[in-house]
Amino acid sequence: MLVKKYKSEVISISNPIEGVYTLKLAPQKGRFKYSPGQFLHLAIDDSYDGVGQWPDSRCFSLQSNTNEENIRITYAVKGKFTREMEQTLTTGSEVWLKLPYGELFSQSHEKTKVVFIAGGTGITPFLSLFTDASFGEYISPKIYLGFKTEKYNIYEHELNLVRSNSYTIAMLLEDIDGKLDIRSIFSDNGTDASYFISGPPVMITTFKSKLKKYGVPSNNIYTDDWE
């Protein structure tokens, strides 16, 4: 799919918990084109004219599905760029987006025994698939989610759509249940499952390493680790 630049407008901003924001973005022309699990580059340099050298930007996973007119992304304020986003973006702000990037779910993989593991905001690329019609191609997928506390689960609307289709979600709250346990997840699913992992870089690296140690082939492990 061809990567394109889109001059876009911030049409809504929500701040469900401190330091976490969800943006809804609309293109000023045309329609966004992307696939589930892909990501974009977002630039907030108001001097960029769409022609010259691409300005400083940051990558964000696409949270919305392909049937939605607008794009949604969720970000946590963690560094200089996201701090600047927090301080400068308001409803009506103009930004530049470049997309799509990535092939998380377009890579060849079985859809009959698939495990999705997400920690925190790492759930967002999965939501773009879970709420897309193409998710119906997966047979009895297993979904494991981990959040620090209940208030960090700001995705209940999308997750209820998943539950309405009779998919099972195992959700752990760190302050009550502890962290996601990759050994336990592996014990439930074995070496022949396809594992998709998204979350903090340390979690991705650790879980991937342990799955390999348990005997899961490298080509059965897929990670959202473009950062």
Protein backbone atom coordinates (compact mmCIF):
# COMPACT_ATOMS: atom_id res chain seq x y z
CA MET A 1 0.00 0.00 0.00
CA LEU A 2 1.41 3.39 -1.05
CA VAL A 3 2.60 5.68 1.76
CA LYS A 4 0.94 9.09 1.51
CA LYS A 5 1.06 12.38 3.38
CA TYR A 6 -2.19 13.78 4.75
CA LYS A 7 -2.69 17.27 6.11
CA SER A 8 -5.14 16.56 8.91
CA GLU A 9 -7.16 18.20 11.64
CA VAL A 10 -7.50 17.20 15.27
CA ILE A 11 -11.28 16.92 15.66
CA SER A 12 -11.37 15.64 19.24
CA ILE A 13 -9.06 15.06 22.19
CA SER A 14 -9.89 12.99 25.23
CA ASN A 15 -7.77 12.73 28.36
CA PRO A 16 -9.24 9.75 30.24
CA ILE A 17 -6.35 9.44 32.71
CA GLU A 18 -3.42 11.67 33.59
CA GLY A 19 -0.74 11.63 30.92
CA VAL A 20 -2.75 9.60 28.38
CA TYR A 21 -4.58 11.12 25.42
CA THR A 22 -6.72 9.81 22.56
CA LEU A 23 -6.83 11.91 19.40
CA LYS A 24 -9.32 11.67 16.58
CA LEU A 25 -7.89 12.96 13.30
CA ALA A 26 -9.66 13.81 10.04
CA PRO A 27 -7.99 14.27 6.63
CA GLN A 28 -8.47 17.65 4.98
CA LYS A 29 -8.62 15.89 1.61
CA GLY A 30 -9.32 12.33 0.53
CA ARG A 31 -9.64 9.33 2.78
CA PHE A 32 -7.08 7.52 4.91
CA LYS A 33 -6.00 4.14 3.52
CA TYR A 34 -4.40 1.53 5.77
CA SER A 35 -4.76 -2.02 7.08
CA PRO A 36 -5.29 -3.30 10.65
CA GLY A 37 -2.11 -3.30 12.74
CA GLN A 38 -0.34 -0.57 10.80
CA PHE A 39 1.11 2.66 12.15
CA LEU A 40 1.67 6.27 11.10
CA HIS A 41 4.16 9.11 11.49
CA LEU A 42 2.71 12.30 13.02
CA ALA A 43 4.38 15.70 12.65
CA ILE A 44 3.29 18.86 14.48
CA ASP A 45 5.63 21.36 12.79
CA ASP A 46 3.27 24.10 11.57
CA SER A 47 5.88 25.40 9.11
CA TYR A 48 5.86 22.20 7.03
CA ASP A 49 4.31 22.72 3.58
CA GLY A 50 3.87 19.08 2.57
CA VAL A 51 6.64 19.26 -0.04
CA GLY A 52 10.01 19.75 1.62
CA GLN A 53 11.97 17.48 3.93
CA TRP A 54 9.71 15.60 6.33
CA PRO A 55 9.95 17.27 9.77
CA ASP A 56 10.55 15.74 13.19
CA SER A 57 7.80 13.21 13.86
CA ARG A 58 6.81 10.25 16.00
CA CYS A 59 5.24 6.88 15.22
CA PHE A 60 1.83 5.90 16.62
CA SER A 61 -0.19 2.72 16.18
CA LEU A 62 -3.53 3.05 14.43
CA GLN A 63 -6.30 2.27 16.90
CA SER A 64 -9.22 2.76 14.51
CA ASN A 65 -10.46 0.18 12.04
CA THR A 66 -10.51 0.54 8.27
CA ASN A 67 -14.25 1.29 8.09
CA GLU A 68 -13.89 4.45 10.16
CA GLU A 69 -13.69 7.77 8.33
CA ASN A 70 -11.27 9.21 10.85
CA ILE A 71 -8.16 7.91 12.58
CA ARG A 72 -7.78 7.39 16.32
CA ILE A 73 -4.49 7.11 18.17
CA THR A 74 -3.75 6.91 21.88
CA TYR A 75 -0.47 8.10 23.33
CA ALA A 76 1.16 8.37 26.74
CA VAL A 77 3.27 11.43 27.54
CA LYS A 78 6.78 10.01 27.88
CA GLY A 79 9.26 12.31 26.19
CA LYS A 80 9.88 15.68 24.53
CA PHE A 81 7.72 15.07 21.45
CA THR A 82 4.66 13.76 23.28
CA ARG A 83 5.04 16.52 25.89
CA GLU A 84 4.91 19.05 23.07
CA MET A 85 1.81 17.33 21.70
CA GLU A 86 0.17 17.58 25.12
CA GLN A 87 1.00 21.27 25.40
CA THR A 88 0.19 22.46 21.87
CA LEU A 89 -2.52 20.31 20.31
CA THR A 90 -6.13 21.43 20.71
CA THR A 91 -9.33 20.70 18.83
CA GLY A 92 -8.89 22.27 15.42
CA SER A 93 -5.08 21.97 15.36
CA GLU A 94 -3.54 20.98 12.04
CA VAL A 95 -0.98 18.18 11.86
CA TRP A 96 0.68 16.15 9.13
CA LEU A 97 0.34 12.39 8.98
CA LYS A 98 2.31 9.95 6.83
CA LEU A 99 0.92 6.45 6.45
CA PRO A 100 0.59 3.52 6.30
CA TYR A 101 3.59 1.65 7.68
CA GLY A 102 4.05 -1.87 9.02
CA GLU A 103 2.83 -5.36 8.22
CA LEU A 104 1.93 -6.79 11.63
CA PHE A 105 -1.12 -8.74 10.46
CA SER A 106 -0.39 -8.89 6.74
CA GLN A 107 2.49 -11.30 7.33
CA SER A 108 1.62 -14.89 6.51
CA HIS A 109 0.26 -16.62 9.64
CA GLU A 110 -2.25 -19.24 10.65
CA LYS A 111 -5.61 -17.97 11.89
CA THR A 112 -6.81 -21.11 13.64
CA LYS A 113 -4.63 -20.96 16.77
CA VAL A 114 -3.65 -17.39 17.47
CA VAL A 115 -2.70 -15.71 20.74
CA PHE A 116 -2.76 -11.93 21.24
CA ILE A 117 -0.81 -10.52 24.22
CA ALA A 118 -0.91 -6.79 25.00
CA GLY A 119 0.30 -4.65 27.87
CA GLY A 120 -1.11 -1.16 28.50
CA THR A 121 -1.38 1.10 25.45
CA GLY A 122 0.16 -1.77 23.45
CA ILE A 123 -3.42 -2.89 22.90
CA THR A 124 -4.05 -0.16 20.31
CA PRO A 125 -2.75 -1.94 17.17
CA PHE A 126 -4.76 -5.00 18.20
CA LEU A 127 -7.94 -2.94 18.50
CA SER A 128 -7.62 -1.94 14.85
CA LEU A 129 -7.93 -5.65 14.05
CA PHE A 130 -10.38 -6.70 16.79
CA THR A 131 -12.98 -4.16 15.59
CA ASP A 132 -12.39 -4.83 11.89
CA ALA A 133 -14.50 -7.22 9.82
CA SER A 134 -11.35 -9.20 8.95
CA PHE A 135 -11.10 -10.38 12.58
CA GLY A 136 -13.95 -12.77 11.75
CA GLU A 137 -11.39 -14.88 9.85
CA TYR A 138 -9.72 -15.88 13.14
CA ILE A 139 -10.98 -19.08 14.75
CA SER A 140 -11.27 -18.93 18.57
CA PRO A 141 -8.39 -16.50 19.14
CA LYS A 142 -7.02 -16.13 22.68
CA ILE A 143 -6.62 -12.58 24.00
CA TYR A 144 -4.51 -11.72 27.07
CA LEU A 145 -4.45 -8.11 28.29
CA GLY A 146 -2.58 -6.48 31.16
CA PHE A 147 -3.17 -3.06 32.74
CA LYS A 148 -1.62 -1.37 35.78
CA THR A 149 -5.02 -0.76 37.39
CA GLU A 150 -8.64 -0.78 36.27
CA LYS A 151 -8.54 2.93 35.42
CA TYR A 152 -5.89 2.28 32.76
CA ASN A 153 -8.32 0.13 30.80
CA ILE A 154 -9.81 2.92 28.72
CA TYR A 155 -10.81 0.61 25.87
CA GLU A 156 -14.03 -0.96 27.17
CA HIS A 157 -16.10 0.25 24.22
CA GLU A 158 -13.93 -1.61 21.72
CA LEU A 159 -13.48 -4.62 24.01
CA ASN A 160 -17.23 -4.97 24.43
CA LEU A 161 -17.49 -5.29 20.64
CA VAL A 162 -15.03 -8.18 20.87
CA ARG A 163 -16.99 -9.81 23.71
CA SER A 164 -20.24 -9.45 21.76
CA ASN A 165 -18.75 -11.79 19.15
CA SER A 166 -18.13 -14.42 21.85
CA TYR A 167 -14.36 -13.99 21.89
CA THR A 168 -12.81 -14.60 25.31
CA ILE A 169 -10.57 -11.99 26.90
CA ALA A 170 -8.31 -12.77 29.86
CA MET A 171 -7.62 -9.45 31.57
CA LEU A 172 -5.14 -8.94 34.41
CA LEU A 173 -4.92 -5.86 36.60
CA GLU A 174 -1.39 -5.56 37.94
CA ASP A 175 -2.44 -4.16 41.33
CA ILE A 176 -4.82 -7.11 41.88
CA ASP A 177 -3.70 -10.03 39.71
CA GLY A 178 -0.04 -9.28 39.07
CA LYS A 179 1.63 -8.96 35.68
CA LEU A 180 1.00 -11.04 32.58
CA ASP A 181 2.81 -14.36 32.95
CA ILE A 182 4.24 -15.59 29.65
CA ARG A 183 4.95 -19.06 31.07
CA SER A 184 1.29 -19.48 31.99
CA ILE A 185 0.15 -18.18 28.60
CA PHE A 186 2.51 -20.58 26.84
CA SER A 187 1.28 -23.50 28.98
CA ASP A 188 -2.27 -22.75 27.80
CA ASN A 189 -1.36 -22.58 24.11
CA GLY A 190 1.80 -24.56 23.31
CA THR A 191 4.50 -24.36 20.65
CA ASP A 192 2.27 -24.52 17.58
CA ALA A 193 0.28 -21.33 18.26
CA SER A 194 1.02 -17.98 16.57
CA TYR A 195 1.85 -15.34 19.19
CA PHE A 196 1.33 -11.60 18.63
CA ILE A 197 2.91 -9.39 21.30
CA SER A 198 2.52 -5.64 21.80
CA GLY A 199 3.44 -3.45 24.76
CA PRO A 200 6.44 -1.84 26.46
CA PRO A 201 9.75 -2.71 24.74
CA VAL A 202 11.03 -4.62 27.78
CA MET A 203 7.89 -6.77 27.85
CA ILE A 204 8.14 -7.54 24.13
CA THR A 205 11.82 -8.50 24.36
CA THR A 206 11.33 -10.66 27.46
CA PHE A 207 8.23 -12.48 26.20
CA LYS A 208 9.75 -13.13 22.78
CA SER A 209 12.94 -14.51 24.34
CA LYS A 210 11.04 -16.79 26.71
CA LEU A 211 8.73 -18.14 24.01
CA LYS A 212 11.79 -19.08 21.94
CA LYS A 213 13.29 -20.74 25.01
CA TYR A 214 10.07 -22.75 25.46
CA GLY A 215 10.38 -24.02 21.89
CA VAL A 216 8.10 -21.69 19.93
CA PRO A 217 9.56 -21.22 16.41
CA SER A 218 10.70 -17.68 15.62
CA ASN A 219 8.33 -17.51 12.66
CA ASN A 220 5.39 -18.08 15.04
CA ILE A 221 6.19 -14.93 17.05
CA TYR A 222 5.06 -11.51 15.77
CA THR A 223 5.81 -8.27 17.58
CA ASP A 224 4.71 -4.65 17.33
CA ASP A 225 8.13 -3.19 18.13
CA TRP A 226 8.69 -0.51 15.51
CA GLU A 227 9.91 1.90 18.23
